[in-house]
């Protein structure tokens, strides 16, 4: 899995509970996928039972390099 420096040094330090398999699931089988209008990054959402929330994974424009991941409290499919 390709990741940005920001993801490795900031996101995973703040959220070490996020599992790589969750991120891969979001990329391979998202409930929804959107392109951000301002920068072209792509948002992927997937339901994570262990969190009882949707996980939002943000990739760069290439749709494979992970830039951010977090439980999204406001998402509803």
N, C-alpha and C. Protein backbone atom coordinates (compact mmCIF):
# COMPACT_ATOMS: atom_id res chain seq x y z
N UNK A 1 0.85 -1.17 0.00
CA UNK A 1 0.00 0.00 0.00
C UNK A 1 0.90 1.24 0.00
N UNK A 2 0.67 2.11 -0.96
CA UNK A 2 1.42 3.36 -1.03
C UNK A 2 0.78 4.38 -0.10
N UNK A 3 1.62 5.15 0.61
CA UNK A 3 1.12 6.17 1.52
C UNK A 3 1.97 7.43 1.40
N UNK A 4 1.37 8.55 1.80
CA UNK A 4 2.13 9.81 1.82
C UNK A 4 2.91 9.91 3.13
N UNK A 5 3.86 10.81 3.16
CA UNK A 5 4.61 11.07 4.38
C UNK A 5 3.66 11.55 5.47
N UNK A 6 2.72 12.41 5.11
CA UNK A 6 1.72 12.90 6.07
C UNK A 6 0.97 11.73 6.71
N UNK A 7 0.54 10.77 5.91
CA UNK A 7 -0.19 9.62 6.45
C UNK A 7 0.67 8.84 7.43
N UNK A 8 1.90 8.55 7.04
CA UNK A 8 2.78 7.76 7.91
C UNK A 8 3.16 8.50 9.19
N UNK A 9 3.48 9.78 9.08
CA UNK A 9 4.03 10.51 10.22
C UNK A 9 2.98 11.20 11.10
N UNK A 10 1.82 11.49 10.55
CA UNK A 10 0.81 12.20 11.33
C UNK A 10 -0.43 11.35 11.59
N UNK A 11 -1.05 10.84 10.52
CA UNK A 11 -2.32 10.13 10.67
C UNK A 11 -2.14 8.87 11.51
N UNK A 12 -1.19 8.05 11.18
CA UNK A 12 -1.03 6.79 11.92
C UNK A 12 -0.50 7.00 13.33
N UNK A 13 0.15 8.12 13.57
CA UNK A 13 0.57 8.43 14.94
C UNK A 13 -0.65 8.80 15.78
N UNK A 14 -1.57 9.57 15.19
CA UNK A 14 -2.79 9.99 15.90
C UNK A 14 -3.82 8.87 16.00
N UNK A 15 -3.84 7.98 14.98
CA UNK A 15 -4.87 6.94 14.92
C UNK A 15 -4.25 5.55 14.70
N UNK A 16 -3.47 5.07 15.64
CA UNK A 16 -2.79 3.78 15.44
C UNK A 16 -3.74 2.59 15.39
N UNK A 17 -4.99 2.78 15.80
CA UNK A 17 -5.98 1.70 15.79
C UNK A 17 -6.48 1.39 14.37
N UNK A 18 -6.22 2.26 13.40
CA UNK A 18 -6.69 2.03 12.04
C UNK A 18 -5.86 0.89 11.43
N UNK A 19 -6.55 -0.12 10.99
CA UNK A 19 -5.88 -1.32 10.46
C UNK A 19 -5.69 -1.20 8.94
N UNK A 20 -4.56 -1.67 8.45
CA UNK A 20 -4.32 -1.64 7.00
C UNK A 20 -5.39 -2.37 6.20
N UNK A 21 -5.93 -3.46 6.73
CA UNK A 21 -6.96 -4.20 5.99
C UNK A 21 -8.24 -3.39 5.82
N UNK A 22 -8.53 -2.49 6.77
CA UNK A 22 -9.68 -1.60 6.62
C UNK A 22 -9.47 -0.63 5.46
N UNK A 23 -8.26 -0.13 5.37
CA UNK A 23 -7.95 0.81 4.29
C UNK A 23 -8.05 0.10 2.95
N UNK A 24 -7.50 -1.09 2.86
CA UNK A 24 -7.58 -1.85 1.62
C UNK A 24 -9.02 -2.17 1.24
N UNK A 25 -9.85 -2.46 2.24
CA UNK A 25 -11.27 -2.71 1.99
C UNK A 25 -11.95 -1.46 1.44
N UNK A 26 -11.64 -0.32 2.01
CA UNK A 26 -12.22 0.94 1.52
C UNK A 26 -11.82 1.22 0.08
N UNK A 27 -10.60 0.90 -0.27
CA UNK A 27 -10.13 1.15 -1.63
C UNK A 27 -10.71 0.15 -2.63
N UNK A 28 -10.90 -1.08 -2.21
CA UNK A 28 -11.36 -2.11 -3.13
C UNK A 28 -12.88 -2.24 -3.22
N UNK A 29 -13.57 -1.88 -2.13
CA UNK A 29 -15.01 -2.09 -2.10
C UNK A 29 -15.72 -0.98 -1.32
N UNK A 30 -15.61 0.28 -1.75
CA UNK A 30 -16.21 1.37 -0.98
C UNK A 30 -17.73 1.40 -1.12
N UNK A 31 -18.38 1.91 -0.08
CA UNK A 31 -19.82 2.16 -0.12
C UNK A 31 -20.08 3.34 -1.06
N UNK A 32 -19.19 4.32 -1.01
CA UNK A 32 -19.27 5.47 -1.91
C UNK A 32 -17.86 5.98 -2.19
N UNK A 33 -17.70 6.58 -3.34
CA UNK A 33 -16.42 7.17 -3.76
C UNK A 33 -16.74 8.54 -4.37
N UNK A 34 -16.00 9.57 -3.94
CA UNK A 34 -16.20 10.93 -4.45
C UNK A 34 -14.86 11.57 -4.76
N UNK A 35 -14.85 12.40 -5.78
CA UNK A 35 -13.67 13.20 -6.09
C UNK A 35 -13.86 14.57 -5.48
N UNK A 36 -12.88 15.03 -4.72
CA UNK A 36 -12.94 16.35 -4.11
C UNK A 36 -12.72 17.40 -5.19
N UNK A 37 -13.59 18.38 -5.24
CA UNK A 37 -13.54 19.40 -6.28
C UNK A 37 -12.31 20.30 -6.16
N UNK A 38 -11.87 20.56 -4.96
CA UNK A 38 -10.79 21.53 -4.79
C UNK A 38 -9.39 21.01 -5.14
N UNK A 39 -9.13 19.73 -4.92
CA UNK A 39 -7.77 19.24 -5.15
C UNK A 39 -7.70 17.91 -5.92
N UNK A 40 -8.84 17.34 -6.27
CA UNK A 40 -8.85 16.09 -7.05
C UNK A 40 -8.60 14.83 -6.25
N UNK A 41 -8.40 14.98 -4.95
CA UNK A 41 -8.22 13.78 -4.13
C UNK A 41 -9.53 13.00 -4.09
N UNK A 42 -9.43 11.72 -3.76
CA UNK A 42 -10.60 10.85 -3.83
C UNK A 42 -10.93 10.32 -2.44
N UNK A 43 -12.18 10.45 -2.07
CA UNK A 43 -12.68 9.94 -0.78
C UNK A 43 -13.34 8.59 -1.01
N UNK A 44 -13.03 7.64 -0.13
CA UNK A 44 -13.62 6.30 -0.16
C UNK A 44 -14.18 6.03 1.23
N UNK A 45 -15.42 5.53 1.30
CA UNK A 45 -16.03 5.19 2.59
C UNK A 45 -16.33 3.71 2.65
N UNK A 46 -16.15 3.15 3.84
CA UNK A 46 -16.49 1.74 4.09
C UNK A 46 -16.95 1.61 5.54
N UNK A 47 -17.95 0.75 5.76
CA UNK A 47 -18.43 0.50 7.12
C UNK A 47 -17.45 -0.43 7.83
N UNK A 48 -17.06 -0.04 9.04
CA UNK A 48 -16.18 -0.86 9.87
C UNK A 48 -16.94 -1.24 11.14
N UNK A 49 -17.29 -2.49 11.24
CA UNK A 49 -18.10 -2.97 12.37
C UNK A 49 -17.41 -2.71 13.70
N UNK A 50 -16.10 -2.94 13.78
CA UNK A 50 -15.37 -2.76 15.04
C UNK A 50 -15.42 -1.32 15.54
N UNK A 51 -15.56 -0.37 14.63
CA UNK A 51 -15.65 1.05 15.02
C UNK A 51 -17.10 1.50 15.17
N UNK A 52 -18.01 0.73 14.62
CA UNK A 52 -19.43 1.12 14.53
C UNK A 52 -19.56 2.46 13.83
N UNK A 53 -18.73 2.66 12.81
CA UNK A 53 -18.72 3.89 12.03
C UNK A 53 -18.21 3.60 10.62
N UNK A 54 -18.43 4.59 9.77
CA UNK A 54 -17.82 4.54 8.45
C UNK A 54 -16.42 5.10 8.56
N UNK A 55 -15.50 4.47 7.85
CA UNK A 55 -14.13 4.94 7.76
C UNK A 55 -13.99 5.67 6.44
N UNK A 56 -13.49 6.91 6.49
CA UNK A 56 -13.20 7.65 5.26
C UNK A 56 -11.71 7.53 4.98
N UNK A 57 -11.38 7.09 3.80
CA UNK A 57 -9.99 6.99 3.35
C UNK A 57 -9.84 7.95 2.18
N UNK A 58 -8.87 8.84 2.28
CA UNK A 58 -8.63 9.82 1.23
C UNK A 58 -7.33 9.45 0.52
N UNK A 59 -7.43 9.34 -0.80
CA UNK A 59 -6.24 9.03 -1.61
C UNK A 59 -5.90 10.24 -2.48
N UNK A 60 -4.69 10.22 -2.98
CA UNK A 60 -4.31 11.22 -3.96
C UNK A 60 -5.05 10.93 -5.26
N UNK A 61 -4.85 11.76 -6.25
CA UNK A 61 -5.56 11.64 -7.52
C UNK A 61 -5.37 10.28 -8.20
N UNK A 62 -4.29 9.59 -7.86
CA UNK A 62 -4.02 8.29 -8.48
C UNK A 62 -4.92 7.17 -7.94
N UNK A 63 -5.70 7.46 -6.91
CA UNK A 63 -6.65 6.53 -6.30
C UNK A 63 -5.98 5.36 -5.57
N UNK A 64 -4.68 5.40 -5.39
CA UNK A 64 -4.00 4.32 -4.67
C UNK A 64 -3.12 4.82 -3.53
N UNK A 65 -2.60 6.03 -3.60
CA UNK A 65 -1.72 6.54 -2.55
C UNK A 65 -2.58 7.12 -1.43
N UNK A 66 -2.51 6.49 -0.26
CA UNK A 66 -3.35 6.88 0.87
C UNK A 66 -2.76 8.11 1.55
N UNK A 67 -3.61 9.13 1.74
CA UNK A 67 -3.19 10.39 2.35
C UNK A 67 -3.81 10.59 3.73
N UNK A 68 -5.02 10.08 3.95
CA UNK A 68 -5.69 10.29 5.23
C UNK A 68 -6.70 9.16 5.46
N UNK A 69 -7.01 8.90 6.72
CA UNK A 69 -8.03 7.92 7.07
C UNK A 69 -8.53 8.25 8.47
N UNK A 70 -9.86 8.24 8.61
CA UNK A 70 -10.44 8.56 9.91
C UNK A 70 -11.89 8.10 9.96
N UNK A 71 -12.41 7.82 11.17
CA UNK A 71 -13.82 7.51 11.32
C UNK A 71 -14.62 8.78 11.01
N UNK A 72 -15.59 8.65 10.14
CA UNK A 72 -16.36 9.81 9.69
C UNK A 72 -17.71 9.81 10.40
N UNK A 73 -17.86 10.66 11.37
CA UNK A 73 -19.09 10.71 12.18
C UNK A 73 -20.28 11.24 11.41
N UNK A 74 -20.04 12.06 10.40
CA UNK A 74 -21.14 12.71 9.70
C UNK A 74 -21.61 11.99 8.44
N UNK A 75 -20.90 10.96 8.01
CA UNK A 75 -21.26 10.29 6.76
C UNK A 75 -22.51 9.45 6.92
N UNK A 76 -23.39 9.56 5.93
CA UNK A 76 -24.53 8.64 5.84
C UNK A 76 -24.70 8.28 4.37
N UNK A 77 -24.82 7.00 4.08
CA UNK A 77 -24.88 6.55 2.69
C UNK A 77 -26.15 6.96 1.97
